[in-house]
Amino acid sequence: MWIILGIMAIVATVINLLMYAAGKDYKLAMAMGLSLTALTLCAEYSVVSDWVKSESWASLADVVPGMERALWFLTIVSILLNITPVFLERRKKK
């Protein structure tokens, strides 16, 4: 599920940037991109929770350390890309 949500978040972010470039209202796409990013993180947390419930310590030890860094990086990138049009729009107004 987290893969589907992650792909949808990427698509929404690309739509956000394309709509801004075309001069259209991009705010709904921005909200969708950020919301889908949050849902992706929640879905990933559910996967980790299932591993804890099943006491799959090997899975946790192998995957979680690398996954943590990737999720932090991708979440920060998603936030920056989704709010870029807001900053560019403010710069144009000045």
Foldseek 3Di string as FASTA:
>chain_A
DLVVLVVQLVVLLVVLVVCLVVVHDNVVSLVSNLVSLVVSVVVVVVVVVVCVVVVVVVCCVPPVVVVVVVSVVVNVVSNCSSCVSVVVVVVVVD
